[in-house]
Structures are given as structure tokens and as C-alpha cells.
């Protein structure tokens, strides 16, 4: 089983410049941590937007991006 099977969510990345990247495969977990398939570099202040099936999109600000080889990017978030 590859890591791609763990990425069941899709998020878009909104840069401070207004540019939007994605959607990117992700795994959103309790405790406000998200694992992303590392396609785009993330920086503090970027906003991740996850479309929710029956409600408004969930928006989270990247506080501290980290990269772990083989696991994509993992970082804590602040809801906005």
C-alpha cells in the first residue's frame, strides 16, 4: 500500500500574493495536522482550503511547515 492511498482529501493552497495552487492530495487529521503530497513548497502564512461536502470550505493558515522524506509535508495549522 503506497502513501497515495492515505491522501483522501484535496486542498488548494492560497499564497499571500493571491495565487491559488492545486488541488493537492492531502490527509487531514484531527489535531489540525495535514499531510500533503509534496507538489508545491509551503511557507508560513499560506492558507490551505479544503472543500467540505455539505458546508463552507475549511480554511487553515500554515504556521510551521515541515518536510519529511517519503511522507510529504506535515505541519500544524491555525483555523481561519
PDB file of N, CA and C in Angstrom:
ATOM      1  N   UNK A   1       0.853  -1.189   0.000  1.00  0.00           N
ATOM      2  CA  UNK A   1       0.000   0.000   0.000  1.00  0.00           C
ATOM      3  C   UNK A   1       0.890   1.241   0.000  1.00  0.00           C
ATOM      4  N   UNK A   2       0.762   2.068  -1.006  1.00  0.00           N
ATOM      5  CA  UNK A   2       1.534   3.295  -1.084  1.00  0.00           C
ATOM      6  C   UNK A   2       0.909   4.419  -0.274  1.00  0.00           C
ATOM      7  N   UNK A   3       1.660   5.478  -0.099  1.00  0.00           N
ATOM      8  CA  UNK A   3       1.157   6.630   0.663  1.00  0.00           C
ATOM      9  C   UNK A   3       0.001   7.322  -0.042  1.00  0.00           C
ATOM     10  N   UNK A   4      -0.080   7.190  -1.358  1.00  0.00           N
ATOM     11  CA  UNK A   4      -1.177   7.834  -2.092  1.00  0.00           C
ATOM     12  C   UNK A   4      -2.541   7.375  -1.603  1.00  0.00           C
ATOM     13  N   UNK A   5      -2.637   6.148  -1.102  1.00  0.00           N
ATOM     14  CA  UNK A   5      -3.912   5.650  -0.587  1.00  0.00           C
ATOM     15  C   UNK A   5      -4.344   6.374   0.687  1.00  0.00           C
ATOM     16  N   UNK A   6      -3.380   6.993   1.383  1.00  0.00           N
ATOM     17  CA  UNK A   6      -3.697   7.715   2.616  1.00  0.00           C
ATOM     18  C   UNK A   6      -4.237   9.113   2.336  1.00  0.00           C
ATOM     19  N   UNK A   7      -3.961   9.650   1.154  1.00  0.00           N
ATOM     20  CA  UNK A   7      -4.382  11.004   0.806  1.00  0.00           C
ATOM     21  C   UNK A   7      -5.806  10.977   0.268  1.00  0.00           C
ATOM     22  N   UNK A   8      -6.789  11.101   1.156  1.00  0.00           N
ATOM     23  CA  UNK A   8      -8.190  11.011   0.753  1.00  0.00           C
ATOM     24  C   UNK A   8      -8.852  12.372   0.565  1.00  0.00           C
ATOM     25  N   UNK A   9      -8.177  13.432   0.964  1.00  0.00           N
ATOM     26  CA  UNK A   9      -8.717  14.787   0.843  1.00  0.00           C
ATOM     27  C   UNK A   9      -7.977  15.528  -0.260  1.00  0.00           C
ATOM     28  N   UNK A  10      -8.562  16.634  -0.691  1.00  0.00           N
ATOM     29  CA  UNK A  10      -7.895  17.537  -1.635  1.00  0.00           C
ATOM     30  C   UNK A  10      -7.982  18.942  -1.066  1.00  0.00           C
ATOM     31  N   UNK A  11      -6.860  19.652  -1.126  1.00  0.00           N
ATOM     32  CA  UNK A  11      -6.822  21.032  -0.642  1.00  0.00           C
ATOM     33  C   UNK A  11      -6.203  21.917  -1.713  1.00  0.00           C
ATOM     34  N   UNK A  12      -6.573  23.180  -1.706  1.00  0.00           N
ATOM     35  CA  UNK A  12      -5.934  24.192  -2.541  1.00  0.00           C
ATOM     36  C   UNK A  12      -5.040  25.030  -1.640  1.00  0.00           C
ATOM     37  N   UNK A  13      -3.987  25.583  -2.207  1.00  0.00           N
ATOM     38  CA  UNK A  13      -3.047  26.420  -1.460  1.00  0.00           C
ATOM     39  C   UNK A  13      -3.193  27.840  -1.958  1.00  0.00           C
ATOM     40  N   UNK A  14      -3.516  28.754  -1.050  1.00  0.00           N
ATOM     41  CA  UNK A  14      -3.632  30.169  -1.396  1.00  0.00           C
ATOM     42  C   UNK A  14      -2.403  30.890  -0.851  1.00  0.00           C
ATOM     43  N   UNK A  15      -1.611  31.452  -1.742  1.00  0.00           N
ATOM     44  CA  UNK A  15      -0.395  32.177  -1.372  1.00  0.00           C
ATOM     45  C   UNK A  15      -0.758  33.604  -0.976  1.00  0.00           C
ATOM     46  N   UNK A  16       0.074  34.270  -0.162  1.00  0.00           N
ATOM     47  CA  UNK A  16      -0.187  35.663   0.210  1.00  0.00           C
ATOM     48  C   UNK A  16      -0.332  36.599  -0.992  1.00  0.00           C
ATOM     49  N   UNK A  17       0.275  36.233  -2.129  1.00  0.00           N
ATOM     50  CA  UNK A  17       0.176  37.050  -3.337  1.00  0.00           C
ATOM     51  C   UNK A  17      -1.204  36.957  -3.990  1.00  0.00           C
ATOM     52  N   UNK A  18      -2.038  35.977  -3.518  1.00  0.00           N
ATOM     53  CA  UNK A  18      -3.347  35.768  -4.113  1.00  0.00           C
ATOM     54  C   UNK A  18      -3.376  34.594  -5.076  1.00  0.00           C
ATOM     55  N   UNK A  19      -2.205  34.088  -5.448  1.00  0.00           N
ATOM     56  CA  UNK A  19      -2.122  32.932  -6.343  1.00  0.00           C
ATOM     57  C   UNK A  19      -2.698  31.697  -5.645  1.00  0.00           C
ATOM     58  N   UNK A  20      -3.451  30.894  -6.384  1.00  0.00           N
ATOM     59  CA  UNK A  20      -4.008  29.656  -5.846  1.00  0.00           C
ATOM     60  C   UNK A  20      -3.408  28.480  -6.591  1.00  0.00           C
ATOM     61  N   UNK A  21      -2.893  27.501  -5.848  1.00  0.00           N
ATOM     62  CA  UNK A  21      -2.279  26.303  -6.411  1.00  0.00           C
ATOM     63  C   UNK A  21      -3.117  25.088  -6.041  1.00  0.00           C
ATOM     64  N   UNK A  22      -3.090  24.089  -6.892  1.00  0.00           N
ATOM     65  CA  UNK A  22      -3.787  22.851  -6.551  1.00  0.00           C
ATOM     66  C   UNK A  22      -5.019  22.658  -7.394  1.00  0.00           C
ATOM     67  N   UNK A  23      -5.824  21.705  -7.030  1.00  0.00           N
ATOM     68  CA  UNK A  23      -5.871  20.996  -5.758  1.00  0.00           C
ATOM     69  C   UNK A  23      -4.719  19.997  -5.606  1.00  0.00           C
ATOM     70  N   UNK A  24      -4.363  19.739  -4.343  1.00  0.00           N
ATOM     71  CA  UNK A  24      -3.272  18.856  -3.962  1.00  0.00           C
ATOM     72  C   UNK A  24      -3.845  17.738  -3.103  1.00  0.00           C
ATOM     73  N   UNK A  25      -3.392  16.505  -3.309  1.00  0.00           N
ATOM     74  CA  UNK A  25      -3.825  15.392  -2.468  1.00  0.00           C
ATOM     75  C   UNK A  25      -3.309  15.599  -1.053  1.00  0.00           C
ATOM     76  N   UNK A  26      -4.167  15.308  -0.063  1.00  0.00           N
ATOM     77  CA  UNK A  26      -3.798  15.529   1.333  1.00  0.00           C
ATOM     78  C   UNK A  26      -4.525  14.549   2.240  1.00  0.00           C
ATOM     79  N   UNK A  27      -4.030  14.461   3.455  1.00  0.00           N
ATOM     80  CA  UNK A  27      -4.700  13.713   4.509  1.00  0.00           C
ATOM     81  C   UNK A  27      -4.886  14.671   5.670  1.00  0.00           C
ATOM     82  N   UNK A  28      -6.131  15.050   5.947  1.00  0.00           N
ATOM     83  CA  UNK A  28      -6.441  15.983   7.031  1.00  0.00           C
ATOM     84  C   UNK A  28      -6.793  15.150   8.261  1.00  0.00           C
ATOM     85  N   UNK A  29      -6.107  15.433   9.388  1.00  0.00           N
ATOM     86  CA  UNK A  29      -6.292  14.652  10.600  1.00  0.00           C
ATOM     87  C   UNK A  29      -6.720  15.525  11.762  1.00  0.00           C
ATOM     88  N   UNK A  30      -7.275  14.875  12.778  1.00  0.00           N
ATOM     89  CA  UNK A  30      -7.625  15.596  13.999  1.00  0.00           C
ATOM     90  C   UNK A  30      -6.362  16.198  14.580  1.00  0.00           C
ATOM     91  N   UNK A  31      -6.504  17.247  15.380  1.00  0.00           N
ATOM     92  CA  UNK A  31      -5.347  17.915  15.939  1.00  0.00           C
ATOM     93  C   UNK A  31      -4.763  18.942  14.987  1.00  0.00           C
ATOM     94  N   UNK A  32      -5.496  19.189  13.881  1.00  0.00           N
ATOM     95  CA  UNK A  32      -5.131  20.224  12.927  1.00  0.00           C
ATOM     96  C   UNK A  32      -3.795  19.968  12.244  1.00  0.00           C
ATOM     97  N   UNK A  33      -3.502  18.722  11.932  1.00  0.00           N
ATOM     98  CA  UNK A  33      -2.316  18.415  11.144  1.00  0.00           C
ATOM     99  C   UNK A  33      -2.758  17.903   9.788  1.00  0.00           C
ATOM    100  N   UNK A  34      -2.019  18.302   8.782  1.00  0.00           N
ATOM    101  CA  UNK A  34      -2.329  17.886   7.420  1.00  0.00           C
ATOM    102  C   UNK A  34      -1.050  17.337   6.789  1.00  0.00           C
ATOM    103  N   UNK A  35      -1.172  16.217   6.112  1.00  0.00           N
ATOM    104  CA  UNK A  35      -0.077  15.643   5.346  1.00  0.00           C
ATOM    105  C   UNK A  35      -0.398  15.899   3.879  1.00  0.00           C
ATOM    106  N   UNK A  36       0.548  16.507   3.171  1.00  0.00           N
ATOM    107  CA  UNK A  36       0.345  16.807   1.747  1.00  0.00           C
ATOM    108  C   UNK A  36       1.300  16.009   0.890  1.00  0.00           C
ATOM    109  N   UNK A  37       0.850  15.635  -0.290  1.00  0.00           N
ATOM    110  CA  UNK A  37       1.768  15.147  -1.303  1.00  0.00           C
ATOM    111  C   UNK A  37       2.603  16.368  -1.700  1.00  0.00           C
ATOM    112  N   UNK A  38       3.904  16.303  -1.550  1.00  0.00           N
ATOM    113  CA  UNK A  38       4.775  17.474  -1.725  1.00  0.00           C
ATOM    114  C   UNK A  38       4.896  17.865  -3.188  1.00  0.00           C
ATOM    115  N   UNK A  39       3.980  18.700  -3.651  1.00  0.00           N
ATOM    116  CA  UNK A  39       3.997  19.180  -5.028  1.00  0.00           C
ATOM    117  C   UNK A  39       4.411  20.646  -5.104  1.00  0.00           C
ATOM    118  N   UNK A  40       4.084  21.414  -4.076  1.00  0.00           N
ATOM    119  CA  UNK A  40       4.377  22.838  -4.044  1.00  0.00           C
ATOM    120  C   UNK A  40       5.016  23.165  -2.702  1.00  0.00           C
ATOM    121  N   UNK A  41       6.035  24.028  -2.682  1.00  0.00           N
ATOM    122  CA  UNK A  41       6.623  24.410  -1.394  1.00  0.00           C
ATOM    123  C   UNK A  41       5.632  25.259  -0.593  1.00  0.00           C
ATOM    124  N   UNK A  42       5.548  25.005   0.704  1.00  0.00           N
ATOM    125  CA  UNK A  42       4.675  25.777   1.590  1.00  0.00           C
ATOM    126  C   UNK A  42       5.502  26.701   2.449  1.00  0.00           C
ATOM    127  N   UNK A  43       4.914  27.821   2.802  1.00  0.00           N
ATOM    128  CA  UNK A  43       5.578  28.813   3.646  1.00  0.00           C
ATOM    129  C   UNK A  43       4.604  29.253   4.726  1.00  0.00           C
ATOM    130  N   UNK A  44       5.126  29.723   5.872  1.00  0.00           N
ATOM    131  CA  UNK A  44       4.228  30.262   6.886  1.00  0.00           C
ATOM    132  C   UNK A  44       3.363  31.370   6.285  1.00  0.00           C
ATOM    133  N   UNK A  45       2.085  31.358   6.623  1.00  0.00           N
ATOM    134  CA  UNK A  45       1.166  32.364   6.097  1.00  0.00           C
ATOM    135  C   UNK A  45       0.342  31.884   4.917  1.00  0.00           C
ATOM    136  N   UNK A  46       0.775  30.792   4.270  1.00  0.00           N
ATOM    137  CA  UNK A  46      -0.047  30.214   3.201  1.00  0.00           C
ATOM    138  C   UNK A  46      -1.356  29.728   3.813  1.00  0.00           C
ATOM    139  N   UNK A  47      -2.419  29.736   3.031  1.00  0.00           N
ATOM    140  CA  UNK A  47      -3.726  29.276   3.502  1.00  0.00           C
ATOM    141  C   UNK A  47      -4.117  28.031   2.720  1.00  0.00           C
ATOM    142  N   UNK A  48      -4.490  26.978   3.457  1.00  0.00           N
ATOM    143  CA  UNK A  48      -4.984  25.755   2.830  1.00  0.00           C
ATOM    144  C   UNK A  48      -6.498  25.771   2.867  1.00  0.00           C
ATOM    145  N   UNK A  49      -7.110  25.441   1.755  1.00  0.00           N
ATOM    146  CA  UNK A  49      -8.567  25.468   1.646  1.00  0.00           C
ATOM    147  C   UNK A  49      -9.038  24.062   1.293  1.00  0.00           C
ATOM    148  N   UNK A  50      -9.848  23.493   2.186  1.00  0.00           N
ATOM    149  CA  UNK A  50     -10.403  22.157   1.950  1.00  0.00           C
ATOM    150  C   UNK A  50     -11.893  22.290   1.720  1.00  0.00           C
ATOM    151  N   UNK A  51     -12.351  21.808   0.564  1.00  0.00           N
ATOM    152  CA  UNK A  51     -13.777  21.827   0.258  1.00  0.00           C
ATOM    153  C   UNK A  51     -14.471  20.770   1.105  1.00  0.00           C
ATOM    154  N   UNK A  52     -15.536  21.175   1.776  1.00  0.00           N
ATOM    155  CA  UNK A  52     -16.318  20.271   2.602  1.00  0.00           C
ATOM    156  C   UNK A  52     -17.583  19.897   1.843  1.00  0.00           C
ATOM    157  N   UNK A  53     -18.041  18.644   1.956  1.00  0.00           N
ATOM    158  CA  UNK A  53     -19.180  18.198   1.161  1.00  0.00           C
ATOM    159  C   UNK A  53     -20.478  18.969   1.408  1.00  0.00           C
ATOM    160  N   UNK A  54     -20.774  19.321   2.644  1.00  0.00           N
ATOM    161  CA  UNK A  54     -22.078  19.920   2.933  1.00  0.00           C
ATOM    162  C   UNK A  54     -21.980  21.232   3.700  1.00  0.00           C
ATOM    163  N   UNK A  55     -20.840  21.894   3.653  1.00  0.00           N
ATOM    164  CA  UNK A  55     -20.693  23.155   4.376  1.00  0.00           C
ATOM    165  C   UNK A  55     -19.689  24.055   3.662  1.00  0.00           C
ATOM    166  N   UNK A  56     -19.409  25.183   4.271  1.00  0.00           N
ATOM    167  CA  UNK A  56     -18.444  26.120   3.697  1.00  0.00           C
ATOM    168  C   UNK A  56     -17.052  25.502   3.686  1.00  0.00           C
ATOM    169  N   UNK A  57     -16.185  25.956   2.794  1.00  0.00           N
ATOM    170  CA  UNK A  57     -14.815  25.444   2.775  1.00  0.00           C
ATOM    171  C   UNK A  57     -14.114  25.723   4.101  1.00  0.00           C
ATOM    172  N   UNK A  58     -13.250  24.808   4.496  1.00  0.00           N
ATOM    173  CA  UNK A  58     -12.445  24.965   5.703  1.00  0.00           C
ATOM    174  C   UNK A  58     -11.137  25.639   5.304  1.00  0.00           C
ATOM    175  N   UNK A  59     -10.783  26.728   5.989  1.00  0.00           N
ATOM    176  CA  UNK A  59      -9.566  27.481   5.681  1.00  0.00           C
ATOM    177  C   UNK A  59      -8.630  27.400   6.872  1.00  0.00           C
ATOM    178  N   UNK A  60      -7.367  27.034   6.621  1.00  0.00           N
ATOM    179  CA  UNK A  60      -6.373  26.909   7.681  1.00  0.00           C
ATOM    180  C   UNK A  60      -5.089  27.596   7.249  1.00  0.00           C
ATOM    181  N   UNK A  61      -4.466  28.314   8.184  1.00  0.00           N
ATOM    182  CA  UNK A  61      -3.220  29.025   7.912  1.00  0.00           C
ATOM    183  C   UNK A  61      -2.044  28.140   8.320  1.00  0.00           C
ATOM    184  N   UNK A  62      -1.037  28.048   7.451  1.00  0.00           N
ATOM    185  CA  UNK A  62       0.170  27.287   7.759  1.00  0.00           C
ATOM    186  C   UNK A  62       1.002  28.084   8.740  1.00  0.00           C
ATOM    187  N   UNK A  63       1.276  27.481   9.907  1.00  0.00           N
ATOM    188  CA  UNK A  63       2.122  28.124  10.910  1.00  0.00           C
ATOM    189  C   UNK A  63       3.583  27.718  10.756  1.00  0.00           C
ATOM    190  N   UNK A  64       3.819  26.421  10.630  1.00  0.00           N
ATOM    191  CA  UNK A  64       5.180  25.910  10.614  1.00  0.00           C
ATOM    192  C   UNK A  64       5.281  24.702   9.687  1.00  0.00           C
ATOM    193  N   UNK A  65       5.651  24.916   8.432  1.00  0.00           N
ATOM    194  CA  UNK A  65       5.745  23.784   7.506  1.00  0.00           C
ATOM    195  C   UNK A  65       6.991  22.950   7.793  1.00  0.00           C
ATOM    196  N   UNK A  66       6.871  21.657   7.679  1.00  0.00           N
ATOM    197  CA  UNK A  66       7.987  20.724   7.832  1.00  0.00           C
ATOM    198  C   UNK A  66       7.936  19.743   6.683  1.00  0.00           C
ATOM    199  N   UNK A  67       9.082  19.175   6.347  1.00  0.00           N
ATOM    200  CA  UNK A  67       9.139  18.183   5.275  1.00  0.00           C
ATOM    201  C   UNK A  67       9.811  16.939   5.819  1.00  0.00           C
ATOM    202  N   UNK A  68       9.202  15.784   5.570  1.00  0.00           N
ATOM    203  CA  UNK A  68       9.765  14.502   5.963  1.00  0.00           C
ATOM    204  C   UNK A  68       9.834  13.626   4.723  1.00  0.00           C
ATOM    205  N   UNK A  69      11.029  13.171   4.373  1.00  0.00           N
ATOM    206  CA  UNK A  69      11.223  12.358   3.178  1.00  0.00           C
ATOM    207  C   UNK A  69      10.283  11.160   3.199  1.00  0.00           C
ATOM    208  N   UNK A  70       9.555  10.962   2.113  1.00  0.00           N
ATOM    209  CA  UNK A  70       8.660   9.833   1.986  1.00  0.00           C
ATOM    210  C   UNK A  70       7.291  10.057   2.588  1.00  0.00           C
ATOM    211  N   UNK A  71       7.085  11.172   3.296  1.00  0.00           N
ATOM    212  CA  UNK A  71       5.794  11.422   3.922  1.00  0.00           C
ATOM    213  C   UNK A  71       5.162  12.721   3.472  1.00  0.00           C
ATOM    214  N   UNK A  72       5.784  13.428   2.550  1.00  0.00           N
ATOM    215  CA  UNK A  72       5.228  14.703   2.125  1.00  0.00           C
ATOM    216  C   UNK A  72       5.477  15.758   3.190  1.00  0.00           C
ATOM    217  N   UNK A  73       4.646  16.782   3.226  1.00  0.00           N
ATOM    218  CA  UNK A  73       4.799  17.852   4.201  1.00  0.00           C
ATOM    219  C   UNK A  73       3.811  17.660   5.328  1.00  0.00           C
ATOM    220  N   UNK A  74       4.260  17.926   6.538  1.00  0.00           N
ATOM    221  CA  UNK A  74       3.432  17.796   7.733  1.00  0.00           C
ATOM    222  C   UNK A  74       3.583  19.093   8.510  1.00  0.00           C
ATOM    223  N   UNK A  75       2.467  19.690   8.957  1.00  0.00           N
ATOM    224  CA  UNK A  75       2.597  20.947   9.667  1.00  0.00           C
ATOM    225  C   UNK A  75       1.373  21.237  10.513  1.00  0.00           C
ATOM    226  N   UNK A  76       1.578  21.992  11.606  1.00  0.00           N
ATOM    227  CA  UNK A  76       0.440  22.434  12.400  1.00  0.00           C
ATOM    228  C   UNK A  76      -0.237  23.614  11.730  1.00  0.00           C
ATOM    229  N   UNK A  77      -1.532  23.781  11.992  1.00  0.00           N
ATOM    230  CA  UNK A  77      -2.315  24.820  11.349  1.00  0.00           C
ATOM    231  C   UNK A  77      -3.105  25.636  12.362  1.00  0.00           C
ATOM    232  N   UNK A  78      -3.509  26.787  11.941  1.00  0.00           N
ATOM    233  CA  UNK A  78      -4.441  27.607  12.705  1.00  0.00           C
ATOM    234  C   UNK A  78      -5.673  27.816  11.830  1.00  0.00           C
ATOM    235  N   UNK A  79      -6.855  27.506  12.346  1.00  0.00           N
ATOM    236  CA  UNK A  79      -8.077  27.719  11.561  1.00  0.00           C
ATOM    237  C   UNK A  79      -8.316  29.197  11.388  1.00  0.00           C
ATOM    238  N   UNK A  80      -8.914  29.562  10.266  1.00  0.00           N
ATOM    239  CA  UNK A  80      -9.227  30.965   9.996  1.00  0.00           C
ATOM    240  C   UNK A  80     -10.687  31.083   9.703  1.00  0.00           C
TER     241      UNK A  80
END
